[in-house]
Amino acid sequence: MTMMVNAINSFKVAISRETKIGIDLEFLLGTLFEPMIYVLLFGPLMGKLIGDLEVNGMRISYLAFMFPGVLTLVSINQGFRGATTFIQDRFYGGLETLFTLPVPRTVLFMAKILSACIRAIIAMIVLSILTLIIAKDASITLTGFIGSLLVNSLLVVMLSSFMIYLLSKSQNPNLPLAISGIVILPMMFLSTVFYPETVFESSKVLSILVSINPMTHASNLVRSFIYGTHLQHSTMVVSLAYLLVLAFIGMLIGLRGFKAALEK
């Protein structure tokens, strides 16, 4: 019982540390700035160009359609930046001190992953409030929003874990920024974040790429949760299982790299 209490207290302290370090100017500019541009400029302008869209029989503005996708984009941004505190520890001397503390490395790793999820949730709340103010037909329920947070958190877990693994093997602290610069645009535009899935049906190759993109599965689920539109049961199960498996594999890989980060 005493060991469990100590583990819980250690985890609370680790979470507090990670959250304080992680919410900084880089978080505001890197995680929030780009999605805010989509909400404030891209969505309204594209809405004037293409008009309303139909989502499972419901007509909504383009900004309202894009809103769930932007929440998923936030999780992707924060996923790539989820290793921010690990970068500081790994390359500026803090990791040696952390590893000498009487706290299991698994607890320290989980604190980093959970703090990345917390930062993503804060950003999603801010963007949701902003979108609800701007888009009159955008709506959200508490259960739908909680569901969207959980789904998008799986992306944060997957990517931040993978980034921690790569950084544990690399001597370049700018690695996540370089990878995100190459990967994030194709992931974003080859998904249903900004377009309905029907847009890609004319190309078999694009359809396959879109169907295996985690952002597609996440944004479809989030859009379904927020607007109460019903995906086929099999589609929902497959998407959830796919994201859960990716998150689980990412955690296993990330934990392995984190534990051995100081080994030569």
Protein backbone atom coordinates (compact mmCIF):
# COMPACT_ATOMS: atom_id res chain seq x y z
CA MET A 1 0.00 0.00 0.00
CA THR A 2 2.83 2.37 0.94
CA MET A 3 4.62 1.62 -2.34
CA MET A 4 1.49 2.43 -4.32
CA VAL A 5 0.99 5.73 -2.48
CA ASN A 6 4.64 6.65 -3.12
CA ALA A 7 4.28 5.77 -6.80
CA ILE A 8 1.15 7.94 -7.11
CA ASN A 9 2.84 10.86 -5.35
CA SER A 10 5.91 10.51 -7.57
CA PHE A 11 3.70 10.47 -10.66
CA LYS A 12 1.91 13.66 -9.51
CA VAL A 13 5.22 15.44 -8.98
CA ALA A 14 6.50 14.27 -12.37
CA ILE A 15 3.31 15.43 -14.13
CA SER A 16 3.50 18.83 -12.44
CA ARG A 17 7.10 19.24 -13.56
CA GLU A 18 6.40 18.19 -17.15
CA THR A 19 3.37 20.46 -17.49
CA LYS A 20 5.19 23.52 -16.16
CA ILE A 21 8.12 22.97 -18.49
CA GLY A 22 5.97 22.11 -21.52
CA ILE A 23 3.59 25.09 -21.53
CA ASP A 24 5.84 27.81 -22.89
CA LEU A 25 6.20 30.11 -25.90
CA GLU A 26 7.01 27.16 -28.17
CA PHE A 27 3.73 25.53 -27.13
CA LEU A 28 1.74 28.69 -27.89
CA LEU A 29 3.37 29.28 -31.28
CA GLY A 30 3.91 25.67 -32.37
CA THR A 31 0.69 24.03 -31.21
CA LEU A 32 -1.85 26.85 -31.23
CA PHE A 33 -0.78 29.36 -33.87
CA GLU A 34 -1.21 27.27 -37.04
CA PRO A 35 -4.65 25.82 -36.12
CA MET A 36 -5.84 29.33 -35.18
CA ILE A 37 -4.90 30.52 -38.68
CA TYR A 38 -7.03 27.72 -40.15
CA VAL A 39 -9.99 28.69 -37.96
CA LEU A 40 -9.70 32.46 -38.39
CA LEU A 41 -8.67 32.68 -42.08
CA PHE A 42 -8.64 29.43 -44.05
CA GLY A 43 -12.03 28.13 -42.90
CA PRO A 44 -14.05 31.33 -43.49
CA LEU A 45 -12.37 32.01 -46.85
CA MET A 46 -12.84 28.45 -48.13
CA GLY A 47 -16.42 28.55 -46.89
CA LYS A 48 -17.14 31.51 -49.15
CA LEU A 49 -15.58 29.66 -52.06
CA ILE A 50 -17.21 26.23 -51.77
CA GLY A 51 -20.29 26.90 -49.63
CA ASP A 52 -21.87 24.37 -47.29
CA LEU A 53 -21.04 20.66 -47.15
CA GLU A 54 -23.23 17.67 -46.43
CA VAL A 55 -22.19 15.34 -43.60
CA ASN A 56 -24.39 12.25 -43.39
CA GLY A 57 -27.47 14.16 -44.49
CA MET A 58 -26.73 17.31 -42.48
CA ARG A 59 -25.77 20.59 -44.18
CA ILE A 60 -23.06 22.54 -42.34
CA SER A 61 -20.67 25.34 -43.20
CA TYR A 62 -17.15 24.50 -44.31
CA LEU A 63 -15.71 25.93 -41.07
CA ALA A 64 -18.03 23.72 -39.03
CA PHE A 65 -16.99 20.74 -41.16
CA MET A 66 -13.32 21.60 -40.71
CA PHE A 67 -13.57 22.15 -36.95
CA PRO A 68 -13.24 18.47 -35.90
CA GLY A 69 -10.35 18.09 -38.32
CA VAL A 70 -8.57 21.06 -36.77
CA LEU A 71 -8.85 19.40 -33.36
CA THR A 72 -7.12 16.37 -34.88
CA LEU A 73 -4.49 18.65 -36.39
CA VAL A 74 -3.81 20.02 -32.90
CA SER A 75 -3.15 16.50 -31.64
CA ILE A 76 -0.76 15.84 -34.53
CA ASN A 77 1.12 19.09 -33.86
CA GLN A 78 1.39 18.33 -30.17
CA GLY A 79 2.30 14.72 -30.91
CA PHE A 80 5.35 15.82 -32.87
CA ARG A 81 6.16 18.36 -30.16
CA GLY A 82 5.30 16.00 -27.33
CA ALA A 83 8.97 15.22 -26.73
CA THR A 84 9.74 18.87 -25.90
CA THR A 85 10.56 18.20 -22.26
CA PHE A 86 12.55 15.09 -23.22
CA ILE A 87 14.67 17.23 -25.54
CA GLN A 88 15.48 19.56 -22.65
CA ASP A 89 16.32 16.66 -20.36
CA ARG A 90 18.23 14.65 -22.98
CA PHE A 91 20.39 17.38 -24.45
CA TYR A 92 20.78 19.85 -21.57
CA GLY A 93 21.72 17.55 -18.73
CA GLY A 94 18.45 16.98 -16.88
CA LEU A 95 18.02 13.32 -17.79
CA GLU A 96 20.94 12.15 -15.65
CA THR A 97 19.36 13.82 -12.63
CA LEU A 98 15.93 12.36 -13.39
CA PHE A 99 17.29 8.84 -13.70
CA THR A 100 18.98 9.08 -10.28
CA LEU A 101 15.67 9.84 -8.55
CA PRO A 102 13.91 6.99 -6.71
CA VAL A 103 11.17 6.97 -9.35
CA PRO A 104 10.71 4.16 -11.91
CA ARG A 105 11.63 5.21 -15.43
CA THR A 106 8.25 3.93 -16.61
CA VAL A 107 6.57 6.52 -14.34
CA LEU A 108 8.79 9.28 -15.71
CA PHE A 109 8.00 8.24 -19.29
CA MET A 110 4.24 8.08 -18.66
CA ALA A 111 4.38 11.54 -17.07
CA LYS A 112 5.93 12.93 -20.24
CA ILE A 113 3.28 11.30 -22.44
CA LEU A 114 0.39 12.40 -20.23
CA SER A 115 1.70 15.97 -20.05
CA ALA A 116 1.77 16.04 -23.87
CA CYS A 117 -1.88 14.95 -23.85
CA ILE A 118 -2.73 17.66 -21.31
CA ARG A 119 -1.12 20.32 -23.50
CA ALA A 120 -3.07 19.05 -26.51
CA ILE A 121 -6.34 19.13 -24.54
CA ILE A 122 -5.69 22.73 -23.44
CA ALA A 123 -5.09 23.74 -27.07
CA MET A 124 -8.23 21.89 -28.25
CA ILE A 125 -10.35 23.65 -25.63
CA VAL A 126 -9.05 27.07 -26.73
CA LEU A 127 -9.72 26.32 -30.41
CA SER A 128 -13.16 24.89 -29.68
CA ILE A 129 -14.20 28.07 -27.89
CA LEU A 130 -12.84 30.18 -30.74
CA THR A 131 -14.65 28.10 -33.40
CA LEU A 132 -17.95 28.15 -31.52
CA ILE A 133 -17.75 31.95 -31.41
CA ILE A 134 -16.99 32.31 -35.14
CA ALA A 135 -19.03 29.48 -36.72
CA LYS A 136 -22.68 29.87 -35.80
CA ASP A 137 -23.62 26.37 -36.95
CA ALA A 138 -20.74 24.66 -35.12
CA SER A 139 -22.00 22.84 -32.07
CA ILE A 140 -20.63 20.44 -29.54
CA THR A 141 -21.92 18.32 -26.69
CA LEU A 142 -19.98 17.42 -23.56
CA THR A 143 -19.95 13.71 -24.40
CA GLY A 144 -18.95 14.41 -28.00
CA PHE A 145 -16.12 16.67 -26.87
CA ILE A 146 -14.83 14.14 -24.33
CA GLY A 147 -14.92 11.46 -27.01
CA SER A 148 -12.97 13.68 -29.39
CA LEU A 149 -10.36 14.40 -26.72
CA LEU A 150 -9.85 10.70 -26.07
CA VAL A 151 -9.56 9.84 -29.76
CA ASN A 152 -7.09 12.64 -30.48
CA SER A 153 -5.08 11.77 -27.37
CA LEU A 154 -4.28 8.42 -29.01
CA LEU A 155 -2.51 10.32 -31.79
CA VAL A 156 -0.57 12.35 -29.22
CA VAL A 157 0.49 9.17 -27.42
CA MET A 158 1.57 7.49 -30.65
CA LEU A 159 3.60 10.38 -32.06
CA SER A 160 5.14 11.70 -28.85
CA SER A 161 6.25 8.17 -27.91
CA PHE A 162 7.78 7.67 -31.34
CA MET A 163 9.56 11.04 -31.14
CA ILE A 164 11.01 10.14 -27.74
CA TYR A 165 12.34 6.89 -29.21
CA LEU A 166 13.97 8.66 -32.17
CA LEU A 167 15.49 11.32 -29.93
CA SER A 168 16.87 8.68 -27.59
CA LYS A 169 18.87 7.34 -30.55
CA SER A 170 19.82 10.69 -32.06
CA GLN A 171 22.19 13.51 -31.17
CA ASN A 172 20.07 16.13 -32.97
CA PRO A 173 17.53 17.99 -30.79
CA ASN A 174 15.88 19.45 -33.92
CA LEU A 175 14.84 16.01 -35.20
CA PRO A 176 11.10 16.33 -34.38
CA LEU A 177 10.91 19.70 -36.13
CA ALA A 178 12.62 18.29 -39.22
CA ILE A 179 10.38 15.21 -39.35
CA SER A 180 7.18 17.17 -38.77
CA GLY A 181 8.14 19.59 -41.54
CA ILE A 182 8.37 16.68 -43.98
CA VAL A 183 5.50 14.50 -42.76
CA ILE A 184 2.76 16.73 -41.37
CA LEU A 185 1.61 18.36 -44.64
CA PRO A 186 1.14 15.06 -46.53
CA MET A 187 -0.61 13.57 -43.48
CA MET A 188 -2.87 16.59 -43.24
CA PHE A 189 -3.89 16.89 -46.89
CA LEU A 190 -4.16 13.13 -47.48
CA SER A 191 -6.84 12.83 -44.82
CA THR A 192 -10.40 13.97 -44.13
CA VAL A 193 -9.27 16.92 -42.02
CA PHE A 194 -10.08 19.46 -44.74
CA TYR A 195 -11.99 17.43 -47.34
CA PRO A 196 -14.73 14.79 -47.40
CA GLU A 197 -13.52 11.29 -48.22
CA THR A 198 -15.40 11.41 -51.54
CA VAL A 199 -12.82 13.90 -52.89
CA PHE A 200 -10.23 11.10 -53.11
CA GLU A 201 -12.44 8.42 -54.68
CA SER A 202 -11.29 9.16 -58.24
CA SER A 203 -7.73 8.04 -57.44
CA LYS A 204 -7.15 4.51 -56.15
CA VAL A 205 -3.68 5.36 -54.84
CA LEU A 206 -4.88 8.43 -52.97
CA SER A 207 -7.83 6.52 -51.55
CA ILE A 208 -5.49 3.87 -50.13
CA LEU A 209 -3.18 6.49 -48.63
CA VAL A 210 -6.12 8.30 -47.06
CA SER A 211 -7.55 5.05 -45.67
CA ILE A 212 -4.32 4.15 -43.82
CA ASN A 213 -3.67 7.68 -42.55
CA PRO A 214 -4.32 7.82 -38.76
CA MET A 215 -5.56 11.39 -39.17
CA THR A 216 -8.40 10.14 -41.37
CA HIS A 217 -9.58 7.66 -38.75
CA ALA A 218 -9.28 10.22 -35.96
CA SER A 219 -11.01 13.08 -37.80
CA ASN A 220 -13.88 10.82 -38.95
CA LEU A 221 -14.44 9.62 -35.39
CA VAL A 222 -14.23 13.13 -33.95
CA ARG A 223 -16.63 14.51 -36.57
CA SER A 224 -19.05 11.70 -35.76
CA PHE A 225 -18.83 12.35 -32.01
CA ILE A 226 -19.20 16.11 -32.25
CA TYR A 227 -22.12 16.24 -34.68
CA GLY A 228 -23.84 13.04 -33.60
CA THR A 229 -23.62 11.54 -37.07
CA HIS A 230 -23.50 7.77 -37.05
CA LEU A 231 -20.61 5.88 -38.59
CA GLN A 232 -21.17 2.26 -39.39
CA HIS A 233 -20.47 0.15 -36.32
CA SER A 234 -17.77 -1.81 -38.13
CA THR A 235 -16.10 1.40 -39.31
CA MET A 236 -16.04 2.83 -35.80
CA VAL A 237 -14.63 -0.38 -34.30
CA VAL A 238 -11.93 -0.66 -36.97
CA SER A 239 -10.88 2.99 -36.58
CA LEU A 240 -10.73 2.81 -32.78
CA ALA A 241 -8.83 -0.48 -32.86
CA TYR A 242 -6.39 0.91 -35.44
CA LEU A 243 -5.63 4.00 -33.34
CA LEU A 244 -5.35 1.99 -30.12
CA VAL A 245 -2.89 -0.44 -31.69
CA LEU A 246 -0.76 2.40 -33.06
CA ALA A 247 -0.76 4.15 -29.68
CA PHE A 248 0.16 0.92 -27.86
CA ILE A 249 3.00 0.11 -30.26
CA GLY A 250 4.24 3.69 -30.01
CA MET A 251 4.28 3.51 -26.21
CA LEU A 252 6.23 0.25 -26.19
CA ILE A 253 8.82 1.65 -28.60
CA GLY A 254 9.03 5.00 -26.83
CA LEU A 255 9.41 3.43 -23.38
CA ARG A 256 12.19 1.19 -24.63
CA GLY A 257 14.08 4.15 -26.04
CA PHE A 258 13.45 6.30 -22.97
CA LYS A 259 14.81 3.70 -20.55
CA ALA A 260 17.99 3.29 -22.59
CA ALA A 261 18.43 6.96 -23.51
CA LEU A 262 21.74 7.34 -21.66
CA GLU A 263 23.26 4.13 -22.96
CA LYS A 264 25.96 4.49 -25.58
